[in-house]
């Protein structure tokens, strides 16, 4: 009986913690303007039904483009919905975390990217730095989680030197950075990859700051 009571108490604490964490989520975008965000809002990025949409299905995106926050974050849980569609070329996007604008070329971002797109779903890529996949999810998990051509949810937890991600509630990756010289603080960004006739859409972008 005592053991049951202890288990019940632990479960209740977890439920309370989860509820509090959910209450802490705050929107990073208002769904109407680009307030708090910076990027090529003249040609590449637009707002459609509350979502940031980068690229077009009629013309190839000439180069990588990012819409990034003006504020930097360290430890946090980021939650958002995304959709990637395309008709030709490399159809790809991604969510940058703990990143910064590149100096050359200025359209790029440097840092961790939670990838989106065929063959890249759920991978953690080091954009414009080591330029390689740091860790890939299990193929079976990707098949189970991803709804191609539809809205999906990305949950990204960055705490200490650790990054964990889920797509539609299915665990993708769990990565701990071994290089202590690399910064674990930076901007958040949404990417549409160059080279394809594609649209990368992002909406309901919310964030909970962790202690």
C-alpha atoms as a PDB file:
ATOM      1  CA  UNK A   1       0.000   0.000   0.000  1.00  0.00           C
ATOM      2  CA  UNK A   2       2.824   2.394   0.861  1.00  0.00           C
ATOM      3  CA  UNK A   3       4.528   1.576  -2.422  1.00  0.00           C
ATOM      4  CA  UNK A   4       1.309   2.286  -4.335  1.00  0.00           C
ATOM      5  CA  UNK A   5       0.923   5.607  -2.530  1.00  0.00           C
ATOM      6  CA  UNK A   6       4.504   6.540  -3.383  1.00  0.00           C
ATOM      7  CA  UNK A   7       4.018   5.683  -7.063  1.00  0.00           C
ATOM      8  CA  UNK A   8       0.781   7.677  -7.123  1.00  0.00           C
ATOM      9  CA  UNK A   9       2.520  10.681  -5.555  1.00  0.00           C
ATOM     10  CA  UNK A  10       5.292  10.560  -8.158  1.00  0.00           C
ATOM     11  CA  UNK A  11       2.756  10.339 -10.991  1.00  0.00           C
ATOM     12  CA  UNK A  12       0.820  13.292  -9.608  1.00  0.00           C
ATOM     13  CA  UNK A  13       4.014  15.341  -9.408  1.00  0.00           C
ATOM     14  CA  UNK A  14       4.737  14.533 -13.049  1.00  0.00           C
ATOM     15  CA  UNK A  15       1.226  15.569 -14.066  1.00  0.00           C
ATOM     16  CA  UNK A  16       1.545  18.830 -12.135  1.00  0.00           C
ATOM     17  CA  UNK A  17       4.978  19.489 -13.669  1.00  0.00           C
ATOM     18  CA  UNK A  18       3.606  18.848 -17.162  1.00  0.00           C
ATOM     19  CA  UNK A  19       0.661  21.157 -16.585  1.00  0.00           C
ATOM     20  CA  UNK A  20       2.921  23.916 -15.303  1.00  0.00           C
ATOM     21  CA  UNK A  21       5.247  23.483 -18.277  1.00  0.00           C
ATOM     22  CA  UNK A  22       2.301  23.813 -20.650  1.00  0.00           C
ATOM     23  CA  UNK A  23       1.185  26.999 -18.906  1.00  0.00           C
ATOM     24  CA  UNK A  24       4.598  28.513 -19.477  1.00  0.00           C
ATOM     25  CA  UNK A  25       4.420  28.240 -23.274  1.00  0.00           C
ATOM     26  CA  UNK A  26       4.187  31.649 -24.907  1.00  0.00           C
ATOM     27  CA  UNK A  27       3.722  32.481 -28.604  1.00  0.00           C
ATOM     28  CA  UNK A  28       6.762  33.657 -30.569  1.00  0.00           C
ATOM     29  CA  UNK A  29       4.622  34.875 -33.480  1.00  0.00           C
ATOM     30  CA  UNK A  30       1.290  36.680 -33.547  1.00  0.00           C
ATOM     31  CA  UNK A  31       0.177  35.092 -36.830  1.00  0.00           C
ATOM     32  CA  UNK A  32      -0.455  38.495 -38.401  1.00  0.00           C
ATOM     33  CA  UNK A  33       2.895  40.295 -38.588  1.00  0.00           C
ATOM     34  CA  UNK A  34       6.637  39.591 -38.586  1.00  0.00           C
ATOM     35  CA  UNK A  35       7.070  41.303 -35.214  1.00  0.00           C
ATOM     36  CA  UNK A  36      10.011  39.725 -33.399  1.00  0.00           C
ATOM     37  CA  UNK A  37      11.347  38.106 -36.578  1.00  0.00           C
ATOM     38  CA  UNK A  38      13.881  39.093 -39.254  1.00  0.00           C
ATOM     39  CA  UNK A  39      14.328  37.754 -42.786  1.00  0.00           C
ATOM     40  CA  UNK A  40      13.580  38.361 -46.451  1.00  0.00           C
ATOM     41  CA  UNK A  41       9.958  39.354 -46.000  1.00  0.00           C
ATOM     42  CA  UNK A  42       9.859  41.103 -49.380  1.00  0.00           C
ATOM     43  CA  UNK A  43      10.390  38.104 -51.676  1.00  0.00           C
ATOM     44  CA  UNK A  44      10.766  34.870 -49.708  1.00  0.00           C
ATOM     45  CA  UNK A  45       8.549  34.956 -46.616  1.00  0.00           C
ATOM     46  CA  UNK A  46       4.879  35.808 -46.297  1.00  0.00           C
ATOM     47  CA  UNK A  47       2.062  35.146 -43.844  1.00  0.00           C
ATOM     48  CA  UNK A  48      -0.809  32.917 -44.951  1.00  0.00           C
ATOM     49  CA  UNK A  49      -3.650  32.062 -42.562  1.00  0.00           C
ATOM     50  CA  UNK A  50      -1.460  32.675 -39.536  1.00  0.00           C
ATOM     51  CA  UNK A  51       1.544  30.719 -40.826  1.00  0.00           C
ATOM     52  CA  UNK A  52       4.986  31.841 -41.973  1.00  0.00           C
ATOM     53  CA  UNK A  53       5.379  30.523 -45.529  1.00  0.00           C
ATOM     54  CA  UNK A  54       8.705  30.548 -47.353  1.00  0.00           C
ATOM     55  CA  UNK A  55       9.162  29.825 -51.043  1.00  0.00           C
ATOM     56  CA  UNK A  56       6.736  29.121 -53.870  1.00  0.00           C
ATOM     57  CA  UNK A  57       5.552  26.180 -55.951  1.00  0.00           C
ATOM     58  CA  UNK A  58       5.999  28.092 -59.206  1.00  0.00           C
ATOM     59  CA  UNK A  59       9.616  29.285 -58.955  1.00  0.00           C
ATOM     60  CA  UNK A  60      12.725  27.686 -57.516  1.00  0.00           C
ATOM     61  CA  UNK A  61      13.975  29.144 -54.263  1.00  0.00           C
ATOM     62  CA  UNK A  62      17.361  30.523 -55.407  1.00  0.00           C
ATOM     63  CA  UNK A  63      19.184  30.025 -52.099  1.00  0.00           C
ATOM     64  CA  UNK A  64      18.653  29.054 -48.479  1.00  0.00           C
ATOM     65  CA  UNK A  65      16.534  31.596 -46.658  1.00  0.00           C
ATOM     66  CA  UNK A  66      15.804  31.884 -42.952  1.00  0.00           C
ATOM     67  CA  UNK A  67      13.267  33.752 -40.882  1.00  0.00           C
ATOM     68  CA  UNK A  68      14.862  34.203 -37.462  1.00  0.00           C
ATOM     69  CA  UNK A  69      13.957  35.587 -34.067  1.00  0.00           C
ATOM     70  CA  UNK A  70      15.383  38.859 -32.839  1.00  0.00           C
ATOM     71  CA  UNK A  71      15.800  37.366 -29.364  1.00  0.00           C
ATOM     72  CA  UNK A  72      18.247  34.622 -28.345  1.00  0.00           C
ATOM     73  CA  UNK A  73      17.467  31.683 -26.056  1.00  0.00           C
ATOM     74  CA  UNK A  74      19.491  29.154 -24.055  1.00  0.00           C
ATOM     75  CA  UNK A  75      17.400  26.471 -22.319  1.00  0.00           C
ATOM     76  CA  UNK A  76      13.879  26.019 -23.653  1.00  0.00           C
ATOM     77  CA  UNK A  77      11.188  23.812 -25.128  1.00  0.00           C
ATOM     78  CA  UNK A  78      10.062  24.909 -28.595  1.00  0.00           C
ATOM     79  CA  UNK A  79       6.780  23.681 -30.026  1.00  0.00           C
ATOM     80  CA  UNK A  80       5.476  24.413 -33.520  1.00  0.00           C
ATOM     81  CA  UNK A  81       3.652  22.982 -36.503  1.00  0.00           C
ATOM     82  CA  UNK A  82       5.272  22.642 -39.911  1.00  0.00           C
ATOM     83  CA  UNK A  83       4.403  21.555 -43.442  1.00  0.00           C
ATOM     84  CA  UNK A  84       6.700  21.064 -46.433  1.00  0.00           C
ATOM     85  CA  UNK A  85       5.418  20.640 -49.997  1.00  0.00           C
ATOM     86  CA  UNK A  86       7.109  20.887 -53.375  1.00  0.00           C
ATOM     87  CA  UNK A  87       6.837  20.134 -57.058  1.00  0.00           C
ATOM     88  CA  UNK A  88      10.451  20.102 -58.229  1.00  0.00           C
ATOM     89  CA  UNK A  89      14.058  20.016 -56.994  1.00  0.00           C
ATOM     90  CA  UNK A  90      15.259  19.775 -53.406  1.00  0.00           C
ATOM     91  CA  UNK A  91      12.226  20.114 -51.143  1.00  0.00           C
ATOM     92  CA  UNK A  92      13.524  20.782 -47.651  1.00  0.00           C
ATOM     93  CA  UNK A  93      13.258  22.998 -44.601  1.00  0.00           C
ATOM     94  CA  UNK A  94      14.277  23.024 -40.982  1.00  0.00           C
ATOM     95  CA  UNK A  95      14.159  24.662 -37.583  1.00  0.00           C
ATOM     96  CA  UNK A  96      17.315  26.360 -36.343  1.00  0.00           C
ATOM     97  CA  UNK A  97      18.060  26.440 -32.617  1.00  0.00           C
ATOM     98  CA  UNK A  98      20.971  27.982 -30.736  1.00  0.00           C
ATOM     99  CA  UNK A  99      22.044  29.621 -33.979  1.00  0.00           C
ATOM    100  CA  UNK A 100      23.377  32.922 -35.274  1.00  0.00           C
ATOM    101  CA  UNK A 101      23.383  34.741 -38.629  1.00  0.00           C
ATOM    102  CA  UNK A 102      26.301  33.867 -40.888  1.00  0.00           C
ATOM    103  CA  UNK A 103      28.626  36.662 -41.928  1.00  0.00           C
ATOM    104  CA  UNK A 104      29.229  35.209 -45.379  1.00  0.00           C
ATOM    105  CA  UNK A 105      26.871  34.542 -47.057  1.00  0.00           C
ATOM    106  CA  UNK A 106      24.585  36.754 -44.969  1.00  0.00           C
ATOM    107  CA  UNK A 107      21.438  34.792 -45.857  1.00  0.00           C
ATOM    108  CA  UNK A 108      22.690  31.701 -43.989  1.00  0.00           C
ATOM    109  CA  UNK A 109      22.473  30.731 -40.330  1.00  0.00           C
ATOM    110  CA  UNK A 110      25.091  28.915 -38.280  1.00  0.00           C
ATOM    111  CA  UNK A 111      24.042  26.314 -35.741  1.00  0.00           C
ATOM    112  CA  UNK A 112      21.867  23.297 -35.040  1.00  0.00           C
ATOM    113  CA  UNK A 113      19.076  22.494 -37.470  1.00  0.00           C
ATOM    114  CA  UNK A 114      16.207  20.119 -36.785  1.00  0.00           C
ATOM    115  CA  UNK A 115      15.669  18.943 -40.338  1.00  0.00           C
ATOM    116  CA  UNK A 116      12.510  18.590 -42.412  1.00  0.00           C
ATOM    117  CA  UNK A 117      12.159  16.799 -45.753  1.00  0.00           C
ATOM    118  CA  UNK A 118      12.449  13.471 -47.524  1.00  0.00           C
ATOM    119  CA  UNK A 119      15.562  11.616 -46.415  1.00  0.00           C
ATOM    120  CA  UNK A 120      16.207  14.208 -43.702  1.00  0.00           C
ATOM    121  CA  UNK A 121      13.167  13.986 -41.428  1.00  0.00           C
ATOM    122  CA  UNK A 122      14.099  14.442 -37.780  1.00  0.00           C
ATOM    123  CA  UNK A 123      17.854  14.575 -38.344  1.00  0.00           C
ATOM    124  CA  UNK A 124      19.986  17.068 -36.434  1.00  0.00           C
ATOM    125  CA  UNK A 125      22.252  18.899 -38.891  1.00  0.00           C
ATOM    126  CA  UNK A 126      25.036  21.356 -38.064  1.00  0.00           C
ATOM    127  CA  UNK A 127      24.235  24.155 -40.507  1.00  0.00           C
ATOM    128  CA  UNK A 128      27.136  26.204 -41.951  1.00  0.00           C
ATOM    129  CA  UNK A 129      29.511  25.020 -39.216  1.00  0.00           C
ATOM    130  CA  UNK A 130      30.516  21.354 -39.326  1.00  0.00           C
ATOM    131  CA  UNK A 131      28.140  20.903 -42.275  1.00  0.00           C
ATOM    132  CA  UNK A 132      27.152  17.366 -41.404  1.00  0.00           C
ATOM    133  CA  UNK A 133      24.398  15.300 -39.830  1.00  0.00           C
ATOM    134  CA  UNK A 134      25.118  14.964 -36.121  1.00  0.00           C
ATOM    135  CA  UNK A 135      22.512  12.287 -35.476  1.00  0.00           C
ATOM    136  CA  UNK A 136      19.646  10.682 -37.415  1.00  0.00           C
ATOM    137  CA  UNK A 137      16.445   9.148 -36.065  1.00  0.00           C
ATOM    138  CA  UNK A 138      15.417   5.545 -36.480  1.00  0.00           C
ATOM    139  CA  UNK A 139      13.770   5.019 -39.887  1.00  0.00           C
ATOM    140  CA  UNK A 140      10.838   3.176 -38.316  1.00  0.00           C
ATOM    141  CA  UNK A 141      10.179   6.126 -36.004  1.00  0.00           C
ATOM    142  CA  UNK A 142      10.135   8.510 -38.975  1.00  0.00           C
ATOM    143  CA  UNK A 143       7.699   6.302 -40.885  1.00  0.00           C
ATOM    144  CA  UNK A 144       5.429   6.146 -37.856  1.00  0.00           C
ATOM    145  CA  UNK A 145       5.530   9.863 -37.111  1.00  0.00           C
ATOM    146  CA  UNK A 146       5.624  11.913 -40.306  1.00  0.00           C
ATOM    147  CA  UNK A 147       2.491  12.884 -42.227  1.00  0.00           C
ATOM    148  CA  UNK A 148       3.898  13.910 -45.593  1.00  0.00           C
ATOM    149  CA  UNK A 149       2.351  16.974 -47.194  1.00  0.00           C
ATOM    150  CA  UNK A 150       0.339  17.700 -44.041  1.00  0.00           C
ATOM    151  CA  UNK A 151       0.793  19.675 -40.864  1.00  0.00           C
ATOM    152  CA  UNK A 152       3.084  18.009 -38.326  1.00  0.00           C
ATOM    153  CA  UNK A 153       4.206  19.041 -34.850  1.00  0.00           C
ATOM    154  CA  UNK A 154       7.851  19.485 -33.878  1.00  0.00           C
ATOM    155  CA  UNK A 155       8.765  19.510 -30.189  1.00  0.00           C
ATOM    156  CA  UNK A 156      12.372  20.537 -29.510  1.00  0.00           C
ATOM    157  CA  UNK A 157      13.917  20.526 -26.054  1.00  0.00           C
ATOM    158  CA  UNK A 158      17.275  22.255 -25.527  1.00  0.00           C
ATOM    159  CA  UNK A 159      18.731  21.989 -22.053  1.00  0.00           C
ATOM    160  CA  UNK A 160      22.385  22.203 -21.125  1.00  0.00           C
ATOM    161  CA  UNK A 161      24.369  20.551 -23.915  1.00  0.00           C
ATOM    162  CA  UNK A 162      21.481  18.235 -24.781  1.00  0.00           C
ATOM    163  CA  UNK A 163      18.971  18.499 -27.635  1.00  0.00           C
ATOM    164  CA  UNK A 164      15.953  16.183 -27.864  1.00  0.00           C
ATOM    165  CA  UNK A 165      13.239  16.228 -30.519  1.00  0.00           C
ATOM    166  CA  UNK A 166       9.864  14.651 -31.216  1.00  0.00           C
ATOM    167  CA  UNK A 167       7.650  14.738 -34.313  1.00  0.00           C
ATOM    168  CA  UNK A 168       3.964  14.202 -33.610  1.00  0.00           C
ATOM    169  CA  UNK A 169       4.880  12.792 -30.206  1.00  0.00           C
ATOM    170  CA  UNK A 170       7.348  10.225 -31.559  1.00  0.00           C
ATOM    171  CA  UNK A 171      10.949  10.526 -30.311  1.00  0.00           C
ATOM    172  CA  UNK A 172      13.381  11.454 -33.075  1.00  0.00           C
ATOM    173  CA  UNK A 173      16.807  12.205 -31.593  1.00  0.00           C
ATOM    174  CA  UNK A 174      18.642  12.639 -28.297  1.00  0.00           C
ATOM    175  CA  UNK A 175      21.960  14.413 -28.793  1.00  0.00           C
ATOM    176  CA  UNK A 176      24.535  15.700 -26.326  1.00  0.00           C
ATOM    177  CA  UNK A 177      27.164  18.097 -27.681  1.00  0.00           C
ATOM    178  CA  UNK A 178      30.680  16.856 -26.918  1.00  0.00           C
ATOM    179  CA  UNK A 179      32.470  20.006 -28.071  1.00  0.00           C
ATOM    180  CA  UNK A 180      32.417  22.340 -25.076  1.00  0.00           C
ATOM    181  CA  UNK A 181      33.629  25.243 -27.215  1.00  0.00           C
ATOM    182  CA  UNK A 182      30.405  25.442 -29.208  1.00  0.00           C
ATOM    183  CA  UNK A 183      27.834  27.929 -27.884  1.00  0.00           C
ATOM    184  CA  UNK A 184      24.587  26.582 -26.449  1.00  0.00           C
ATOM    185  CA  UNK A 185      22.765  29.882 -26.822  1.00  0.00           C
ATOM    186  CA  UNK A 186      21.344  31.653 -29.838  1.00  0.00           C
ATOM    187  CA  UNK A 187      18.498  32.499 -32.156  1.00  0.00           C
ATOM    188  CA  UNK A 188      15.650  30.369 -33.461  1.00  0.00           C
ATOM    189  CA  UNK A 189      15.040  30.253 -37.201  1.00  0.00           C
ATOM    190  CA  UNK A 190      12.731  28.739 -39.817  1.00  0.00           C
ATOM    191  CA  UNK A 191      14.300  27.619 -43.106  1.00  0.00           C
ATOM    192  CA  UNK A 192      13.215  27.097 -46.669  1.00  0.00           C
ATOM    193  CA  UNK A 193      16.046  25.367 -48.526  1.00  0.00           C
ATOM    194  CA  UNK A 194      17.284  26.649 -51.870  1.00  0.00           C
ATOM    195  CA  UNK A 195      17.087  24.645 -55.075  1.00  0.00           C
ATOM    196  CA  UNK A 196      13.472  23.565 -55.161  1.00  0.00           C
ATOM    197  CA  UNK A 197      10.016  24.716 -56.129  1.00  0.00           C
ATOM    198  CA  UNK A 198       8.762  24.350 -52.603  1.00  0.00           C
ATOM    199  CA  UNK A 199       6.899  25.915 -49.717  1.00  0.00           C
ATOM    200  CA  UNK A 200       7.972  25.525 -46.105  1.00  0.00           C
ATOM    201  CA  UNK A 201       5.250  26.599 -43.683  1.00  0.00           C
ATOM    202  CA  UNK A 202       5.451  27.144 -39.922  1.00  0.00           C
ATOM    203  CA  UNK A 203       2.678  28.068 -37.513  1.00  0.00           C
ATOM    204  CA  UNK A 204       1.633  27.983 -33.825  1.00  0.00           C
ATOM    205  CA  UNK A 205       5.238  28.672 -32.779  1.00  0.00           C
ATOM    206  CA  UNK A 206       5.412  28.657 -28.981  1.00  0.00           C
ATOM    207  CA  UNK A 207       8.251  28.466 -26.465  1.00  0.00           C
ATOM    208  CA  UNK A 208       8.679  27.689 -22.783  1.00  0.00           C
ATOM    209  CA  UNK A 209      11.862  28.960 -21.151  1.00  0.00           C
ATOM    210  CA  UNK A 210      13.573  26.413 -18.899  1.00  0.00           C
ATOM    211  CA  UNK A 211      15.493  27.422 -15.764  1.00  0.00           C
END
